[in-house]
N, C-alpha and C. Protein backbone atom coordinates (compact mmCIF):
# COMPACT_ATOMS: atom_id res chain seq x y z
N UNK A 1 -45.02 91.98 56.47
CA UNK A 1 -45.06 92.73 55.19
C UNK A 1 -44.07 91.73 54.24
N UNK A 2 -43.49 90.57 54.90
CA UNK A 2 -42.71 89.86 53.88
C UNK A 2 -43.49 88.94 52.97
N UNK A 3 -43.06 88.30 51.93
CA UNK A 3 -43.62 87.67 50.74
C UNK A 3 -44.83 86.69 51.50
N UNK A 4 -43.74 85.82 52.64
CA UNK A 4 -44.59 84.52 53.12
C UNK A 4 -45.84 84.95 53.88
N UNK A 5 -45.83 86.17 54.60
CA UNK A 5 -46.69 86.62 55.57
C UNK A 5 -47.80 86.98 55.03
N UNK A 6 -47.66 87.77 53.35
CA UNK A 6 -48.59 88.53 52.85
C UNK A 6 -49.26 87.49 51.87
N UNK A 7 -48.81 86.51 51.43
CA UNK A 7 -49.41 85.50 50.51
C UNK A 7 -49.34 84.05 51.21
N UNK A 8 -49.63 84.26 52.64
CA UNK A 8 -49.62 82.91 53.21
C UNK A 8 -50.68 81.91 52.73
N UNK A 9 -51.97 82.57 52.62
CA UNK A 9 -53.02 82.00 52.15
C UNK A 9 -53.04 81.64 50.81
N UNK A 10 -53.42 80.04 50.45
CA UNK A 10 -53.44 79.70 49.07
C UNK A 10 -54.15 80.33 48.21
N UNK A 11 -55.22 81.01 48.55
CA UNK A 11 -55.94 81.54 47.65
C UNK A 11 -55.36 83.12 47.13
N UNK A 12 -54.48 83.50 47.68
CA UNK A 12 -53.73 84.66 47.43
C UNK A 12 -52.49 84.14 46.77
N UNK A 13 -52.14 83.44 47.34
CA UNK A 13 -50.70 82.55 46.25
C UNK A 13 -51.23 82.53 44.87
N UNK A 14 -52.42 81.54 44.86
CA UNK A 14 -52.95 81.50 43.39
C UNK A 14 -53.10 82.73 42.45
N UNK A 15 -53.90 83.75 43.32
CA UNK A 15 -54.16 85.06 42.51
C UNK A 15 -52.83 85.75 42.01
N UNK A 16 -51.84 85.49 42.97
CA UNK A 16 -50.32 86.30 42.52
C UNK A 16 -49.61 85.56 41.36
N UNK A 17 -49.87 84.04 41.39
CA UNK A 17 -49.14 83.38 40.15
C UNK A 17 -50.15 83.62 39.21
N UNK A 18 -51.22 83.80 39.22
CA UNK A 18 -52.07 83.92 37.69
C UNK A 18 -51.69 85.24 37.33
N UNK A 19 -51.77 86.38 38.20
CA UNK A 19 -51.41 87.70 38.02
C UNK A 19 -49.83 87.90 37.12
N UNK A 20 -48.83 87.16 37.56
CA UNK A 20 -47.64 87.14 37.10
C UNK A 20 -47.74 86.61 35.73
N UNK A 21 -48.09 85.48 35.52
CA UNK A 21 -48.31 84.46 34.40
C UNK A 21 -48.94 85.29 33.37
N UNK A 22 -50.03 86.17 33.88
CA UNK A 22 -50.82 87.08 32.68
C UNK A 22 -49.74 87.88 32.29
N UNK A 23 -48.85 88.82 33.07
CA UNK A 23 -48.02 89.76 32.74
C UNK A 23 -47.06 89.23 31.96
N UNK A 24 -46.25 88.02 32.23
CA UNK A 24 -45.34 87.65 31.64
C UNK A 24 -45.62 87.10 30.19
N UNK A 25 -46.78 86.46 30.25
CA UNK A 25 -47.15 86.00 28.58
C UNK A 25 -47.66 87.19 27.70
N UNK A 26 -48.21 88.12 28.41
CA UNK A 26 -48.57 89.26 27.67
C UNK A 26 -47.23 90.03 27.09
N UNK A 27 -46.43 90.08 28.07
CA UNK A 27 -45.25 91.03 27.64
C UNK A 27 -44.33 90.38 26.78
N UNK A 28 -44.21 89.15 26.96
CA UNK A 28 -43.60 88.45 25.76
C UNK A 28 -44.11 88.19 24.61
N UNK A 29 -45.37 88.10 24.63
CA UNK A 29 -46.24 88.03 23.30
C UNK A 29 -45.86 89.23 22.51
N UNK A 30 -46.31 90.26 23.26
CA UNK A 30 -46.07 91.69 22.57
C UNK A 30 -44.85 92.34 22.44
N UNK A 31 -43.99 91.88 22.72
CA UNK A 31 -42.60 92.68 23.02
C UNK A 31 -42.13 93.22 21.67
N UNK A 32 -42.44 92.84 20.71
CA UNK A 32 -42.19 93.22 19.34
C UNK A 32 -43.35 93.66 18.45
N UNK A 33 -44.25 93.95 19.25
CA UNK A 33 -45.59 94.33 18.55
C UNK A 33 -45.42 95.22 17.45
N UNK A 34 -44.61 96.38 17.56
CA UNK A 34 -44.49 97.57 16.73
C UNK A 34 -43.82 97.02 15.54
N UNK A 35 -42.99 96.28 15.98
CA UNK A 35 -42.44 95.52 14.51
C UNK A 35 -42.98 94.97 13.95
N UNK A 36 -43.86 93.84 14.53
CA UNK A 36 -44.90 93.08 13.83
C UNK A 36 -45.99 93.80 12.92
N UNK A 37 -46.37 94.71 13.56
CA UNK A 37 -47.37 95.72 12.74
C UNK A 37 -46.72 96.64 11.47
N UNK A 38 -45.52 96.98 11.58
CA UNK A 38 -44.89 97.60 10.60
C UNK A 38 -44.55 96.55 9.63
N UNK A 39 -44.02 95.51 9.89
CA UNK A 39 -43.55 94.43 8.75
C UNK A 39 -44.85 93.79 8.32
N UNK A 40 -45.79 93.70 8.89
CA UNK A 40 -46.99 92.70 8.17
C UNK A 40 -47.95 93.70 7.43
N UNK A 41 -47.87 95.01 7.96
CA UNK A 41 -48.90 95.69 7.17
C UNK A 41 -48.31 96.84 6.49
N UNK A 42 -47.03 96.78 6.54
CA UNK A 42 -46.13 97.79 5.74
C UNK A 42 -46.56 99.24 5.90
N UNK A 43 -46.51 99.65 7.22
CA UNK A 43 -46.92 100.94 7.59
C UNK A 43 -45.93 102.05 7.42
N UNK A 44 -46.10 102.99 7.00
CA UNK A 44 -45.44 104.24 7.08
C UNK A 44 -45.33 104.54 8.44
N UNK A 45 -44.39 105.70 8.94
CA UNK A 45 -44.45 106.16 10.17
C UNK A 45 -45.60 106.95 10.69
N UNK A 46 -46.07 107.52 9.64
CA UNK A 46 -47.37 108.41 9.91
C UNK A 46 -48.40 107.42 10.05
N UNK A 47 -48.61 106.30 9.42
CA UNK A 47 -49.69 105.56 9.76
C UNK A 47 -49.57 104.77 10.92
N UNK A 48 -48.29 104.69 11.11
CA UNK A 48 -48.20 103.79 12.42
C UNK A 48 -48.25 104.73 13.70
N UNK A 49 -48.13 105.92 13.91
CA UNK A 49 -48.77 107.12 14.69
C UNK A 49 -50.07 107.01 14.60
N UNK A 50 -50.89 107.11 13.38
CA UNK A 50 -52.07 107.16 13.57
C UNK A 50 -52.75 105.80 14.13
N UNK A 51 -52.00 104.37 13.87
CA UNK A 51 -52.70 103.60 14.41
C UNK A 51 -52.40 103.43 16.14
N UNK A 52 -51.37 104.22 16.48
CA UNK A 52 -51.13 104.09 18.14
C UNK A 52 -52.23 105.19 18.77
N UNK A 53 -52.65 106.31 17.94
CA UNK A 53 -53.51 107.06 18.58
C UNK A 53 -54.83 106.36 18.75
N UNK A 54 -55.32 105.83 17.64
CA UNK A 54 -56.42 104.96 17.47
C UNK A 54 -56.54 103.80 18.70
N UNK A 55 -55.68 103.01 18.69
CA UNK A 55 -55.49 102.25 19.80
C UNK A 55 -55.80 102.85 21.27
N UNK A 56 -55.27 104.05 21.56
CA UNK A 56 -55.29 104.35 22.86
C UNK A 56 -56.76 104.88 22.84
N UNK A 57 -57.19 105.82 22.01
CA UNK A 57 -58.69 106.08 21.65
C UNK A 57 -59.63 104.94 22.32
N UNK A 58 -59.51 103.68 21.39
CA UNK A 58 -60.24 102.51 21.69
C UNK A 58 -60.23 102.03 23.14
N UNK A 59 -58.88 102.15 23.89
CA UNK A 59 -58.59 101.59 25.24
C UNK A 59 -59.55 102.68 26.28
N UNK A 60 -59.38 104.01 25.83
CA UNK A 60 -60.07 104.81 26.62
C UNK A 60 -61.81 104.59 26.76
N UNK A 61 -62.18 104.46 25.34
CA UNK A 61 -63.51 104.35 25.02
C UNK A 61 -64.10 103.21 25.85
N UNK A 62 -63.17 101.90 26.01
CA UNK A 62 -63.64 101.00 26.45
C UNK A 62 -63.59 101.41 28.07
N UNK A 63 -62.73 101.53 28.79
CA UNK A 63 -62.60 101.91 30.06
C UNK A 63 -63.77 102.84 30.57
N UNK A 64 -64.05 103.77 29.62
CA UNK A 64 -64.88 104.91 30.13
C UNK A 64 -66.41 104.49 29.96
N UNK A 65 -66.62 103.75 28.94
CA UNK A 65 -68.00 103.23 28.31
C UNK A 65 -68.58 101.60 28.65
N UNK A 66 -67.56 100.61 28.47
CA UNK A 66 -68.18 99.50 28.71
C UNK A 66 -67.86 98.88 30.09
N UNK A 67 -66.75 98.93 30.69
CA UNK A 67 -66.30 98.14 31.64
C UNK A 67 -67.25 98.26 32.89
N UNK A 68 -67.55 99.52 33.25
CA UNK A 68 -68.62 99.86 34.24
C UNK A 68 -70.04 99.19 34.01
N UNK A 69 -70.20 99.22 32.90
CA UNK A 69 -71.70 98.74 32.46
C UNK A 69 -71.87 97.22 32.63
N UNK A 70 -70.61 96.67 31.95
CA UNK A 70 -70.58 94.97 31.97
C UNK A 70 -70.24 94.59 33.30
N UNK A 71 -69.79 95.24 34.31
CA UNK A 71 -69.46 94.59 35.85
C UNK A 71 -70.72 94.73 36.46
N UNK A 72 -71.85 95.50 36.34
CA UNK A 72 -72.87 95.57 36.91
C UNK A 72 -73.63 94.21 36.91
N UNK A 73 -73.76 93.71 35.46
CA UNK A 73 -74.47 92.57 34.96
C UNK A 73 -73.63 91.23 34.97
N UNK A 74 -72.38 91.21 35.04
CA UNK A 74 -71.83 90.03 34.86
C UNK A 74 -70.84 89.82 36.26
N UNK A 75 -70.50 88.52 36.72
CA UNK A 75 -69.72 88.44 37.73
C UNK A 75 -67.93 88.87 37.14
N UNK A 76 -66.97 88.81 37.90
CA UNK A 76 -65.74 89.02 37.73
C UNK A 76 -65.21 88.03 37.05
N UNK A 77 -65.58 86.64 37.70
CA UNK A 77 -65.16 85.32 36.98
C UNK A 77 -65.52 85.01 35.77
N UNK A 78 -67.10 85.37 35.21
CA UNK A 78 -67.46 85.13 34.14
C UNK A 78 -66.77 86.03 33.07
N UNK A 79 -66.82 87.39 33.21
CA UNK A 79 -66.04 88.24 32.47
C UNK A 79 -64.56 87.82 32.14
N UNK A 80 -63.88 87.58 33.27
CA UNK A 80 -62.34 87.31 32.84
C UNK A 80 -62.23 86.04 31.93
N UNK A 81 -62.96 85.10 32.16
CA UNK A 81 -63.10 84.05 31.05
C UNK A 81 -63.50 84.28 29.67
N UNK A 82 -64.57 85.03 29.94
CA UNK A 82 -65.16 85.42 28.47
C UNK A 82 -63.91 86.06 27.83
N UNK A 83 -63.55 86.97 28.56
CA UNK A 83 -62.32 87.91 27.84
C UNK A 83 -61.46 87.40 27.39
N UNK A 84 -60.96 86.29 27.97
CA UNK A 84 -59.64 85.27 27.79
C UNK A 84 -60.08 84.59 26.40
N UNK A 85 -61.20 84.13 26.35
CA UNK A 85 -61.73 83.13 25.16
C UNK A 85 -61.71 84.05 24.19
N UNK A 86 -62.18 85.39 24.34
CA UNK A 86 -62.35 86.34 22.90
C UNK A 86 -61.01 86.73 22.73
N UNK A 87 -59.97 86.98 23.26
CA UNK A 87 -58.90 87.15 23.08
C UNK A 87 -58.05 86.12 22.24
N UNK A 88 -58.31 84.90 22.99
CA UNK A 88 -57.51 83.65 21.80
C UNK A 88 -58.33 83.58 20.39
N UNK A 89 -59.99 83.75 20.39
CA UNK A 89 -60.58 83.68 19.34
C UNK A 89 -60.08 85.00 18.24
N UNK A 90 -59.86 86.00 18.77
CA UNK A 90 -59.35 87.03 18.05
C UNK A 90 -58.10 86.74 17.58
N UNK A 91 -56.99 86.39 18.24
CA UNK A 91 -55.83 85.99 17.75
C UNK A 91 -55.74 85.23 16.50
N UNK A 92 -56.85 83.91 16.49
CA UNK A 92 -56.68 83.00 15.87
C UNK A 92 -57.28 83.81 14.12
N UNK A 93 -58.07 84.74 14.66
CA UNK A 93 -58.81 85.22 13.46
C UNK A 93 -57.67 86.36 12.93
N UNK A 94 -57.00 86.73 13.95
CA UNK A 94 -55.96 87.80 12.92
C UNK A 94 -54.80 87.18 12.45
N UNK A 95 -54.75 85.61 12.56
CA UNK A 95 -53.55 85.01 12.07
C UNK A 95 -54.21 84.47 10.68
N UNK A 96 -55.53 84.36 10.42
CA UNK A 96 -56.11 83.80 9.53
C UNK A 96 -56.36 84.89 8.21
N UNK A 97 -56.27 85.93 8.41
CA UNK A 97 -56.52 87.10 7.30
C UNK A 97 -55.34 87.63 7.15
N UNK A 98 -55.41 88.57 5.75
CA UNK A 98 -54.22 89.36 5.69
C UNK A 98 -54.70 90.82 5.06
N UNK A 99 -55.86 91.20 5.78
CA UNK A 99 -56.58 92.25 5.33
C UNK A 99 -56.41 93.39 6.43
N UNK A 100 -55.80 94.79 6.09
CA UNK A 100 -55.51 95.75 6.95
C UNK A 100 -56.66 96.20 7.92
N UNK A 101 -57.86 96.25 6.83
CA UNK A 101 -59.08 96.73 7.52
C UNK A 101 -59.50 95.91 8.47
N UNK A 102 -59.39 94.65 8.17
CA UNK A 102 -60.08 93.80 9.13
C UNK A 102 -59.46 93.84 10.68
N UNK A 103 -57.93 94.04 10.58
CA UNK A 103 -57.25 94.03 11.54
C UNK A 103 -57.65 95.44 12.30
N UNK A 104 -57.53 96.71 11.39
CA UNK A 104 -58.07 97.88 12.45
C UNK A 104 -59.38 97.85 12.70
N UNK A 105 -60.56 97.23 12.08
CA UNK A 105 -61.82 97.43 12.60
C UNK A 105 -62.43 96.15 13.34
N UNK A 106 -61.65 95.01 13.35
CA UNK A 106 -62.28 93.97 14.19
C UNK A 106 -61.26 93.79 15.33
N UNK A 107 -59.94 93.43 14.52
CA UNK A 107 -58.79 92.67 15.78
C UNK A 107 -58.64 93.76 16.65
N UNK A 108 -58.27 95.02 16.40
CA UNK A 108 -57.93 96.08 17.23
C UNK A 108 -58.98 96.33 18.47
N UNK A 109 -60.35 96.72 17.94
CA UNK A 109 -61.49 96.85 19.04
C UNK A 109 -61.49 95.47 19.84
N UNK A 110 -61.70 93.95 19.34
CA UNK A 110 -61.84 93.37 20.09
C UNK A 110 -60.62 93.12 20.86
N UNK A 111 -59.36 93.40 20.67
CA UNK A 111 -58.08 93.30 21.25
C UNK A 111 -58.24 94.11 22.61
N UNK A 112 -58.85 95.32 22.39
CA UNK A 112 -58.72 96.45 23.51
C UNK A 112 -59.65 96.20 24.43
N UNK A 113 -60.90 95.58 23.83
CA UNK A 113 -62.12 95.61 24.75
C UNK A 113 -61.60 94.30 25.77
N UNK A 114 -61.41 93.08 25.08
CA UNK A 114 -61.17 92.04 25.81
C UNK A 114 -59.72 92.09 26.66
N UNK A 115 -58.92 92.93 26.33
CA UNK A 115 -57.56 93.15 27.19
C UNK A 115 -58.06 93.97 28.49
N UNK A 116 -58.84 95.46 28.30
CA UNK A 116 -59.36 96.02 29.38
C UNK A 116 -60.35 95.18 30.38
N UNK A 117 -60.92 94.36 29.97
CA UNK A 117 -61.75 93.39 30.85
C UNK A 117 -60.74 92.40 31.56
N UNK A 118 -59.84 91.90 30.90
CA UNK A 118 -58.98 90.99 31.47
C UNK A 118 -58.43 91.66 32.78
N UNK A 119 -57.63 92.93 32.19
CA UNK A 119 -56.77 93.49 33.23
C UNK A 119 -57.83 93.86 34.78
N UNK A 120 -58.84 94.41 34.37
CA UNK A 120 -59.65 94.92 35.43
C UNK A 120 -60.00 93.98 36.10
N UNK A 121 -60.68 92.99 35.92
CA UNK A 121 -61.29 91.69 36.59
C UNK A 121 -60.03 91.19 37.39
N UNK A 122 -59.03 90.95 36.50
CA UNK A 122 -57.69 90.29 37.28
C UNK A 122 -57.34 91.14 38.52
N UNK A 123 -57.24 92.17 38.34
CA UNK A 123 -56.90 93.18 39.49
C UNK A 123 -57.98 93.19 40.66
N UNK A 124 -59.15 93.30 40.17
CA UNK A 124 -60.31 93.19 41.32
C UNK A 124 -60.32 91.72 42.04
N UNK A 125 -60.01 90.80 41.19
CA UNK A 125 -59.75 89.19 41.95
C UNK A 125 -58.47 88.99 42.75
N UNK A 126 -57.55 90.00 42.36
CA UNK A 126 -56.19 89.93 43.06
C UNK A 126 -56.53 90.74 44.57
N UNK A 127 -57.07 92.00 44.45
CA UNK A 127 -57.36 92.73 45.48
C UNK A 127 -58.39 91.87 46.47
N UNK A 128 -59.39 91.15 45.88
CA UNK A 128 -59.90 90.67 46.98
C UNK A 128 -59.51 89.28 47.67
N UNK A 129 -58.37 88.62 46.85
CA UNK A 129 -58.10 87.59 47.60
C UNK A 129 -56.98 88.01 48.66
N UNK A 130 -56.66 89.11 48.70
CA UNK A 130 -55.76 89.96 49.81
C UNK A 130 -56.38 90.50 50.83
N UNK A 131 -55.87 90.16 52.12
CA UNK A 131 -56.49 90.46 53.45
C UNK A 131 -56.27 91.91 53.11
N UNK A 132 -57.26 92.95 53.81
CA UNK A 132 -57.27 94.41 53.73
C UNK A 132 -55.94 95.03 54.27
N UNK A 133 -55.79 94.34 55.33
CA UNK A 133 -54.57 94.60 56.27
C UNK A 133 -53.12 94.68 55.43
N UNK A 134 -52.92 93.30 54.55
CA UNK A 134 -51.61 93.12 53.94
C UNK A 134 -52.00 93.84 52.46
N UNK A 135 -52.74 94.87 52.03
CA UNK A 135 -53.02 95.35 50.72
C UNK A 135 -51.64 96.09 50.51
N UNK A 136 -51.12 97.00 51.08
CA UNK A 136 -49.80 97.76 51.11
C UNK A 136 -48.71 96.73 50.53
N UNK A 137 -48.69 95.98 51.47
CA UNK A 137 -47.52 94.98 51.18
C UNK A 137 -47.63 94.20 49.94
N UNK A 138 -48.87 93.81 49.83
CA UNK A 138 -49.00 92.76 48.52
C UNK A 138 -48.87 93.45 47.23
N UNK A 139 -49.42 94.83 47.38
CA UNK A 139 -48.94 95.75 46.00
C UNK A 139 -47.23 95.84 46.01
N UNK A 140 -46.66 96.06 47.11
CA UNK A 140 -45.42 96.11 47.10
C UNK A 140 -44.77 94.96 46.33
N UNK A 141 -44.73 93.76 47.12
CA UNK A 141 -44.36 92.55 46.45
C UNK A 141 -44.72 92.17 45.13
N UNK A 142 -45.86 92.79 44.75
CA UNK A 142 -46.22 92.82 43.35
C UNK A 142 -45.51 93.48 42.22
N UNK A 143 -45.18 94.87 42.75
CA UNK A 143 -44.43 95.60 41.94
C UNK A 143 -43.11 95.17 41.50
N UNK A 144 -42.29 94.57 42.94
CA UNK A 144 -41.22 94.05 42.63
C UNK A 144 -41.16 92.71 41.53
N UNK A 145 -41.88 91.98 41.94
CA UNK A 145 -42.33 90.71 40.87
C UNK A 145 -42.46 91.05 39.46
N UNK A 146 -43.23 92.04 39.37
CA UNK A 146 -43.65 92.77 37.83
C UNK A 146 -42.28 93.35 37.26
N UNK A 147 -41.53 93.92 38.08
CA UNK A 147 -40.47 94.31 37.55
C UNK A 147 -39.73 93.35 37.00
N UNK A 148 -39.34 92.05 37.73
CA UNK A 148 -38.43 91.06 37.28
C UNK A 148 -39.10 90.34 36.01
N UNK A 149 -40.71 90.10 36.40
CA UNK A 149 -41.22 89.82 34.95
C UNK A 149 -40.94 90.40 33.66
N UNK A 150 -40.91 91.82 34.02
CA UNK A 150 -40.55 92.99 32.65
C UNK A 150 -39.34 92.78 32.30
N UNK A 151 -38.40 92.44 32.93
CA UNK A 151 -36.99 92.29 32.54
C UNK A 151 -37.02 90.70 31.57
N UNK A 152 -37.67 90.05 32.13
CA UNK A 152 -37.43 88.41 31.31
C UNK A 152 -38.18 88.33 30.48
N UNK A 153 -39.58 88.55 30.18
CA UNK A 153 -40.48 88.49 29.38
C UNK A 153 -40.22 88.66 27.79
N UNK A 154 -39.68 90.07 27.86
CA UNK A 154 -38.82 90.26 26.45
C UNK A 154 -38.02 89.43 25.70
N UNK A 155 -37.11 88.77 26.78
CA UNK A 155 -35.99 87.74 26.30
C UNK A 155 -36.83 86.77 25.71
N UNK A 156 -37.30 86.05 26.60
CA UNK A 156 -38.15 84.98 26.25
C UNK A 156 -39.27 85.22 24.69
N UNK A 157 -39.71 86.30 24.88
CA UNK A 157 -40.61 86.74 23.48
C UNK A 157 -39.82 87.10 22.45
N UNK A 158 -38.63 87.59 22.57
CA UNK A 158 -37.66 88.20 21.67
C UNK A 158 -36.98 86.78 20.82
N UNK A 159 -36.62 86.03 21.69
CA UNK A 159 -36.13 84.63 21.35
C UNK A 159 -37.05 83.74 20.43
N UNK A 160 -38.24 83.68 20.96
CA UNK A 160 -39.34 82.75 20.13
C UNK A 160 -39.79 83.56 18.79
N UNK A 161 -39.86 84.84 18.90
CA UNK A 161 -40.46 85.40 17.55
C UNK A 161 -39.17 85.48 16.73
N UNK A 162 -37.90 85.49 17.42
CA UNK A 162 -36.67 85.28 16.47
C UNK A 162 -36.64 84.06 15.79
N UNK A 163 -36.66 82.99 16.40
CA UNK A 163 -37.02 81.79 15.68
C UNK A 163 -37.96 81.37 14.90
N UNK A 164 -39.19 81.94 15.30
CA UNK A 164 -40.51 81.33 14.49
C UNK A 164 -40.77 82.74 13.50
N UNK A 165 -40.34 83.71 13.52
CA UNK A 165 -40.55 84.67 12.78
C UNK A 165 -41.58 85.86 13.53
N UNK A 166 -41.57 87.35 13.30
CA UNK A 166 -42.49 88.39 13.79
C UNK A 166 -43.55 87.86 13.29
N UNK A 167 -44.07 87.62 12.14
CA UNK A 167 -45.48 87.48 11.60
C UNK A 167 -46.11 86.55 12.31
N UNK A 168 -45.20 85.43 13.15
CA UNK A 168 -46.02 84.32 14.18
C UNK A 168 -46.67 84.65 15.21
N UNK A 169 -46.78 86.17 15.48
CA UNK A 169 -47.21 86.61 16.71
C UNK A 169 -48.51 86.23 17.41
N UNK A 170 -49.55 86.60 15.91
CA UNK A 170 -51.05 86.14 16.40
C UNK A 170 -51.07 84.48 16.91
N UNK A 171 -50.12 83.67 16.38
CA UNK A 171 -50.30 82.45 16.62
C UNK A 171 -49.62 82.03 18.15
N UNK A 172 -48.56 82.83 18.41
CA UNK A 172 -48.07 82.82 19.73
C UNK A 172 -49.15 83.37 20.75
N UNK A 173 -49.74 84.35 20.34
CA UNK A 173 -50.74 84.89 21.11
C UNK A 173 -52.09 84.02 21.67
N UNK A 174 -52.41 83.11 20.60
CA UNK A 174 -53.19 82.30 20.72
C UNK A 174 -52.92 81.13 21.58
N UNK A 175 -51.71 80.69 21.56
CA UNK A 175 -51.29 79.50 22.37
C UNK A 175 -51.06 80.15 23.92
N UNK A 176 -50.71 81.75 23.83
CA UNK A 176 -50.58 81.87 25.60
C UNK A 176 -51.96 82.19 26.11
N UNK A 177 -52.90 82.64 25.27
CA UNK A 177 -54.40 82.98 25.87
C UNK A 177 -55.03 81.75 26.15
N UNK A 178 -54.76 80.79 25.30
CA UNK A 178 -55.44 79.31 25.57
C UNK A 178 -54.56 78.63 26.84
N UNK A 179 -53.34 79.16 27.27
CA UNK A 179 -52.82 78.77 28.42
C UNK A 179 -53.43 79.54 29.58
N UNK A 180 -53.59 80.67 29.29
CA UNK A 180 -54.02 81.57 30.44
C UNK A 180 -55.73 81.32 30.86
N UNK A 181 -56.38 80.83 29.90
CA UNK A 181 -57.76 80.36 30.18
C UNK A 181 -57.64 79.21 30.71
N UNK A 182 -56.78 78.15 30.57
CA UNK A 182 -56.97 77.11 31.31
C UNK A 182 -56.46 77.21 32.90
N UNK A 183 -55.47 78.19 32.88
CA UNK A 183 -55.04 78.63 34.08
C UNK A 183 -56.27 79.40 34.88
N UNK A 184 -56.86 80.33 34.28
CA UNK A 184 -57.99 81.17 35.15
C UNK A 184 -59.18 80.02 35.59
N UNK A 185 -59.09 79.00 34.57
CA UNK A 185 -60.60 78.12 34.94
C UNK A 185 -59.92 77.41 36.02
N UNK A 186 -58.89 76.90 36.29
CA UNK A 186 -58.09 75.95 37.28
C UNK A 186 -58.19 76.96 38.63
N UNK A 187 -57.67 78.25 38.40
CA UNK A 187 -57.77 79.31 39.65
C UNK A 187 -59.10 79.37 40.06
N UNK A 188 -60.16 79.93 39.24
CA UNK A 188 -61.47 80.15 39.82
C UNK A 188 -62.08 79.03 40.40
N UNK A 189 -61.78 77.80 39.74
CA UNK A 189 -62.45 76.59 40.20
C UNK A 189 -62.20 76.26 41.86
N UNK A 190 -60.92 76.22 42.13
CA UNK A 190 -60.17 76.58 43.33
C UNK A 190 -60.74 77.48 44.33
N UNK A 191 -60.72 78.78 43.62
CA UNK A 191 -61.45 79.80 44.50
C UNK A 191 -62.89 79.49 44.89
N UNK A 192 -63.64 78.98 44.14
CA UNK A 192 -65.16 78.78 44.26
C UNK A 192 -65.23 77.30 45.23
N UNK A 193 -64.30 76.59 45.11
CA UNK A 193 -64.34 75.16 45.84
C UNK A 193 -64.05 75.88 47.67
N UNK A 194 -63.13 76.77 47.51
CA UNK A 194 -62.49 77.08 48.66
C UNK A 194 -63.84 78.18 49.68
N UNK A 195 -64.44 78.78 48.76
CA UNK A 195 -65.73 79.58 49.32
C UNK A 195 -66.88 78.68 49.67
N UNK A 196 -66.74 77.66 48.86
CA UNK A 196 -67.98 76.62 49.34
C UNK A 196 -67.57 75.86 50.78
N UNK A 197 -66.48 75.75 50.74
CA UNK A 197 -66.06 74.86 52.07
C UNK A 197 -65.96 75.91 53.19
N UNK A 198 -65.96 77.08 52.87
CA UNK A 198 -65.98 78.09 54.46
C UNK A 198 -67.20 78.20 54.57
N UNK A 199 -68.36 78.04 53.65
CA UNK A 199 -69.60 78.24 53.74
C UNK A 199 -70.34 77.26 54.50
N UNK A 200 -69.61 76.04 54.04
CA UNK A 200 -70.19 74.94 54.78
C UNK A 200 -69.68 74.86 56.24
């Protein structure tokens, strides 16, 4: 049940590292997201509340209506790569304009859909990389490491955004999504090579 026994396989270790990298970079990127929205779009408390409700509704709609349908027609690997690429493009577009309606009608829906796809497929790929008998121990280890990531990520994100300015968040997101996309491609390529080797 310890770390070395649960993640003794290279495939499981890579899945864990990618999961932690995703959690760290996303939490650091969006550690000051509420402040970013308030400053960039000059939101009143009421508008900020409406925006939060809208974001939650988008997330629920994506989870309920899209995730299952897409999963039936496309592989987890393809959906993960497309979702990360869409997130990077969305971040670049968000940084390129200063129109609140574009943010609300395009950036937020794309962010909700791509984020939900990434999290769902990342969880699925992680669970498949872990032997069934080690699933409970693996999730326990993941919880502990995620808690550590949760403590460190806001410090990294806060320092960066303090130096660069909170308005720099979309560009920080873009850099982080591109890093994750490169890491995902490398991880999935290694996974595919391992599967081919076993088949032979």
